């Protein structure tokens, strides 16, 4: 990915509220056209949570769960994961 884009635009090519939250931004692409989303709708301890941008079920919140409390937490998990999606159950 070359730029941060609104998740609903990148995933569904639609920038209306019916296509998902306006406050979820795709910050990186993972396998099979799924994305990691930064949720800027709120902060917790001064940080924005990270969500799983599961393409097939986007934007259902149950299928795009929070996977880290911050980008730092996400990056730490990703670096330890050896290429696996560390937030998914084995």
N, C-alpha and C. Protein backbone atom coordinates (compact mmCIF):
# COMPACT_ATOMS: atom_id res chain seq x y z
N UNK A 1 0.84 -1.18 0.00
CA UNK A 1 0.00 0.00 0.00
C UNK A 1 0.88 1.24 0.00
N UNK A 2 0.55 2.19 -0.81
CA UNK A 2 1.30 3.43 -0.89
C UNK A 2 0.75 4.52 0.00
N UNK A 3 -0.52 4.40 0.38
CA UNK A 3 -1.15 5.47 1.15
C UNK A 3 -2.20 4.90 2.09
N UNK A 4 -2.51 5.66 3.12
CA UNK A 4 -3.58 5.29 4.04
C UNK A 4 -4.88 5.77 3.40
N UNK A 5 -5.85 4.85 3.32
CA UNK A 5 -7.14 5.20 2.71
C UNK A 5 -8.27 4.74 3.60
N UNK A 6 -9.40 5.38 3.48
CA UNK A 6 -10.59 4.97 4.22
C UNK A 6 -10.91 3.52 3.85
N UNK A 7 -11.12 2.68 4.87
CA UNK A 7 -11.36 1.26 4.65
C UNK A 7 -12.51 0.97 3.71
N UNK A 8 -13.62 1.66 3.89
CA UNK A 8 -14.79 1.37 3.06
C UNK A 8 -14.55 1.72 1.60
N UNK A 9 -13.70 2.69 1.33
CA UNK A 9 -13.38 3.04 -0.06
C UNK A 9 -12.48 1.98 -0.67
N UNK A 10 -11.48 1.57 0.07
CA UNK A 10 -10.53 0.58 -0.43
C UNK A 10 -11.16 -0.80 -0.60
N UNK A 11 -11.96 -1.21 0.37
CA UNK A 11 -12.53 -2.56 0.35
C UNK A 11 -13.78 -2.66 -0.51
N UNK A 12 -14.68 -1.69 -0.41
CA UNK A 12 -15.96 -1.77 -1.13
C UNK A 12 -16.12 -0.74 -2.25
N UNK A 13 -15.12 0.12 -2.43
CA UNK A 13 -15.18 1.17 -3.45
C UNK A 13 -16.43 2.04 -3.30
N UNK A 14 -16.77 2.35 -2.05
CA UNK A 14 -17.96 3.14 -1.76
C UNK A 14 -17.66 4.01 -0.54
N UNK A 15 -17.84 5.30 -0.64
CA UNK A 15 -17.57 6.20 0.48
C UNK A 15 -18.85 6.74 1.09
N UNK A 16 -19.83 5.85 1.30
CA UNK A 16 -21.06 6.22 1.97
C UNK A 16 -21.18 5.43 3.27
N UNK A 17 -22.02 5.91 4.18
CA UNK A 17 -22.17 5.24 5.47
C UNK A 17 -22.70 3.81 5.35
N UNK A 18 -23.43 3.49 4.30
CA UNK A 18 -23.91 2.10 4.14
C UNK A 18 -22.76 1.13 3.88
N UNK A 19 -21.60 1.65 3.46
CA UNK A 19 -20.45 0.81 3.14
C UNK A 19 -19.51 0.61 4.32
N UNK A 20 -19.84 1.19 5.47
CA UNK A 20 -19.01 0.98 6.64
C UNK A 20 -18.64 2.28 7.34
N UNK A 21 -17.98 2.15 8.49
CA UNK A 21 -17.62 3.32 9.28
C UNK A 21 -16.66 4.25 8.54
N UNK A 22 -16.90 5.52 8.64
CA UNK A 22 -16.01 6.49 7.99
C UNK A 22 -14.70 6.64 8.75
N UNK A 23 -14.65 6.15 9.97
CA UNK A 23 -13.49 6.33 10.85
C UNK A 23 -12.54 5.14 10.87
N UNK A 24 -12.69 4.20 9.96
CA UNK A 24 -11.78 3.06 9.86
C UNK A 24 -10.90 3.27 8.64
N UNK A 25 -9.58 3.31 8.85
CA UNK A 25 -8.63 3.55 7.77
C UNK A 25 -7.73 2.33 7.58
N UNK A 26 -7.54 1.91 6.34
CA UNK A 26 -6.66 0.80 6.01
C UNK A 26 -5.22 1.30 6.09
N UNK A 27 -4.42 0.65 6.94
CA UNK A 27 -3.03 1.08 7.09
C UNK A 27 -2.06 0.08 6.48
N UNK A 28 -2.50 -1.15 6.23
CA UNK A 28 -1.66 -2.09 5.49
C UNK A 28 -2.52 -3.24 4.97
N UNK A 29 -2.07 -3.81 3.89
CA UNK A 29 -2.76 -4.94 3.28
C UNK A 29 -2.09 -6.22 3.73
N UNK A 30 -2.90 -7.21 4.06
CA UNK A 30 -2.38 -8.54 4.36
C UNK A 30 -2.87 -9.49 3.28
N UNK A 31 -2.53 -10.72 3.39
CA UNK A 31 -2.88 -11.70 2.35
C UNK A 31 -4.34 -11.66 1.92
N UNK A 32 -4.56 -12.03 0.67
CA UNK A 32 -5.89 -12.23 0.11
C UNK A 32 -6.77 -10.97 0.18
N UNK A 33 -6.18 -9.82 -0.01
CA UNK A 33 -6.90 -8.53 -0.05
C UNK A 33 -7.64 -8.22 1.24
N UNK A 34 -7.13 -8.66 2.36
CA UNK A 34 -7.63 -8.26 3.66
C UNK A 34 -6.73 -7.15 4.17
N UNK A 35 -7.23 -6.35 5.10
CA UNK A 35 -6.50 -5.17 5.54
C UNK A 35 -6.45 -5.06 7.06
N UNK A 36 -5.48 -4.32 7.53
CA UNK A 36 -5.40 -3.92 8.93
C UNK A 36 -5.97 -2.51 8.98
N UNK A 37 -6.90 -2.29 9.90
CA UNK A 37 -7.61 -1.00 9.97
C UNK A 37 -7.28 -0.24 11.24
N UNK A 38 -7.05 1.04 11.10
CA UNK A 38 -6.89 1.94 12.24
C UNK A 38 -8.26 2.56 12.50
N UNK A 39 -8.76 2.38 13.71
CA UNK A 39 -10.08 2.89 14.10
C UNK A 39 -9.90 4.23 14.81
N UNK A 40 -10.14 5.33 14.10
CA UNK A 40 -9.95 6.65 14.69
C UNK A 40 -11.24 7.22 15.28
N UNK A 41 -12.24 6.38 15.47
CA UNK A 41 -13.51 6.86 16.03
C UNK A 41 -13.39 7.18 17.52
N UNK A 42 -12.40 6.62 18.17
CA UNK A 42 -12.19 6.90 19.58
C UNK A 42 -10.75 6.55 19.96
N UNK A 43 -10.36 7.00 21.14
CA UNK A 43 -9.04 6.70 21.68
C UNK A 43 -9.18 6.02 23.02
N UNK A 44 -8.22 5.18 23.32
CA UNK A 44 -8.11 4.56 24.63
C UNK A 44 -6.70 4.84 25.12
N UNK A 45 -6.57 5.54 26.21
CA UNK A 45 -5.26 5.93 26.74
C UNK A 45 -4.43 6.67 25.70
N UNK A 46 -5.09 7.51 24.90
CA UNK A 46 -4.39 8.30 23.90
C UNK A 46 -4.00 7.55 22.64
N UNK A 47 -4.50 6.32 22.48
CA UNK A 47 -4.15 5.51 21.31
C UNK A 47 -5.41 5.04 20.60
N UNK A 48 -5.27 4.83 19.31
CA UNK A 48 -6.38 4.33 18.51
C UNK A 48 -6.25 2.82 18.34
N UNK A 49 -7.35 2.08 18.50
CA UNK A 49 -7.30 0.63 18.33
C UNK A 49 -7.12 0.22 16.87
N UNK A 50 -6.65 -1.00 16.70
CA UNK A 50 -6.43 -1.61 15.39
C UNK A 50 -7.44 -2.74 15.21
N UNK A 51 -8.03 -2.82 14.01
CA UNK A 51 -9.03 -3.84 13.70
C UNK A 51 -8.59 -4.73 12.55
N UNK A 52 -9.16 -5.91 12.51
CA UNK A 52 -8.96 -6.84 11.40
C UNK A 52 -9.94 -6.46 10.29
N UNK A 53 -9.44 -6.10 9.14
CA UNK A 53 -10.30 -5.72 8.01
C UNK A 53 -10.59 -6.92 7.14
N UNK A 54 -11.39 -7.84 7.66
CA UNK A 54 -11.73 -9.08 6.96
C UNK A 54 -12.66 -8.76 5.80
N UNK A 55 -12.14 -8.83 4.59
CA UNK A 55 -12.82 -8.37 3.38
C UNK A 55 -14.20 -9.00 3.16
N UNK A 56 -14.31 -10.30 3.33
CA UNK A 56 -15.56 -10.99 3.01
C UNK A 56 -16.72 -10.58 3.90
N UNK A 57 -16.44 -10.12 5.10
CA UNK A 57 -17.51 -9.76 6.04
C UNK A 57 -17.51 -8.26 6.37
N UNK A 58 -16.67 -7.49 5.74
CA UNK A 58 -16.61 -6.06 6.00
C UNK A 58 -17.95 -5.41 5.67
N UNK A 59 -18.45 -4.51 6.49
CA UNK A 59 -17.88 -3.89 7.68
C UNK A 59 -18.48 -4.39 9.00
N UNK A 60 -19.02 -5.60 9.03
CA UNK A 60 -19.66 -6.11 10.25
C UNK A 60 -18.67 -6.08 11.42
N UNK A 61 -18.97 -5.32 12.48
CA UNK A 61 -18.04 -5.21 13.61
C UNK A 61 -17.66 -6.55 14.23
N UNK A 62 -18.56 -7.52 14.24
CA UNK A 62 -18.23 -8.83 14.79
C UNK A 62 -17.17 -9.54 13.96
N UNK A 63 -17.08 -9.21 12.69
CA UNK A 63 -16.12 -9.85 11.80
C UNK A 63 -14.92 -8.97 11.50
N UNK A 64 -14.89 -7.80 12.08
CA UNK A 64 -13.75 -6.87 11.98
C UNK A 64 -13.36 -6.47 13.41
N UNK A 65 -13.02 -7.47 14.24
CA UNK A 65 -12.79 -7.18 15.66
C UNK A 65 -11.53 -6.38 15.91
N UNK A 66 -11.49 -5.78 17.07
CA UNK A 66 -10.27 -5.11 17.52
C UNK A 66 -9.21 -6.19 17.76
N UNK A 67 -8.03 -6.01 17.21
CA UNK A 67 -6.96 -7.00 17.36
C UNK A 67 -5.78 -6.47 18.16
N UNK A 68 -5.76 -5.16 18.39
CA UNK A 68 -4.70 -4.56 19.21
C UNK A 68 -5.21 -3.22 19.73
N UNK A 69 -4.71 -2.85 20.88
CA UNK A 69 -5.14 -1.58 21.49
C UNK A 69 -4.43 -0.38 20.87
N UNK A 70 -3.35 -0.63 20.13
CA UNK A 70 -2.59 0.46 19.52
C UNK A 70 -1.77 -0.08 18.37
N UNK A 71 -1.23 0.83 17.56
CA UNK A 71 -0.35 0.40 16.47
C UNK A 71 0.91 -0.25 17.03
N UNK A 72 1.44 0.28 18.12
CA UNK A 72 2.63 -0.31 18.73
C UNK A 72 2.38 -1.76 19.16
N UNK A 73 1.22 -2.02 19.75
CA UNK A 73 0.87 -3.39 20.15
C UNK A 73 0.72 -4.28 18.92
N UNK A 74 0.09 -3.78 17.88
CA UNK A 74 -0.06 -4.54 16.65
C UNK A 74 1.32 -4.86 16.04
N UNK A 75 2.18 -3.87 15.95
CA UNK A 75 3.49 -4.06 15.35
C UNK A 75 4.31 -5.06 16.14
N UNK A 76 4.24 -4.99 17.44
CA UNK A 76 4.96 -5.94 18.29
C UNK A 76 4.49 -7.37 18.02
N UNK A 77 3.17 -7.56 17.95
CA UNK A 77 2.63 -8.90 17.65
C UNK A 77 3.01 -9.36 16.26
N UNK A 78 2.97 -8.47 15.30
CA UNK A 78 3.31 -8.82 13.92
C UNK A 78 4.79 -9.23 13.81
N UNK A 79 5.67 -8.52 14.48
CA UNK A 79 7.09 -8.84 14.41
C UNK A 79 7.42 -10.18 15.07
N UNK A 80 6.65 -10.58 16.07
CA UNK A 80 6.85 -11.87 16.74
C UNK A 80 6.18 -13.03 16.00
N UNK A 81 5.31 -12.73 15.06
CA UNK A 81 4.41 -13.75 14.49
C UNK A 81 5.01 -14.65 13.42
N UNK A 82 6.17 -14.31 12.89
CA UNK A 82 6.81 -15.10 11.83
C UNK A 82 5.89 -15.25 10.62
N UNK A 83 5.21 -14.17 10.26
CA UNK A 83 4.37 -14.17 9.06
C UNK A 83 2.96 -14.69 9.25
N UNK A 84 2.60 -15.12 10.45
CA UNK A 84 1.24 -15.60 10.70
C UNK A 84 0.36 -14.44 11.16
N UNK A 85 -0.93 -14.61 11.00
CA UNK A 85 -1.88 -13.62 11.50
C UNK A 85 -2.06 -13.89 12.99
N UNK A 86 -1.27 -13.26 13.81
CA UNK A 86 -1.19 -13.59 15.22
C UNK A 86 -2.50 -13.43 15.96
N UNK A 87 -3.42 -12.65 15.46
CA UNK A 87 -4.69 -12.39 16.16
C UNK A 87 -5.74 -13.45 15.90
N UNK A 88 -5.49 -14.37 14.97
CA UNK A 88 -6.44 -15.44 14.69
C UNK A 88 -6.10 -16.67 15.53
N UNK A 89 -7.12 -17.36 15.97
CA UNK A 89 -6.91 -18.58 16.74
C UNK A 89 -6.34 -19.67 15.81
N UNK A 90 -5.37 -20.45 16.31
CA UNK A 90 -4.79 -21.53 15.48
C UNK A 90 -5.78 -22.64 15.20
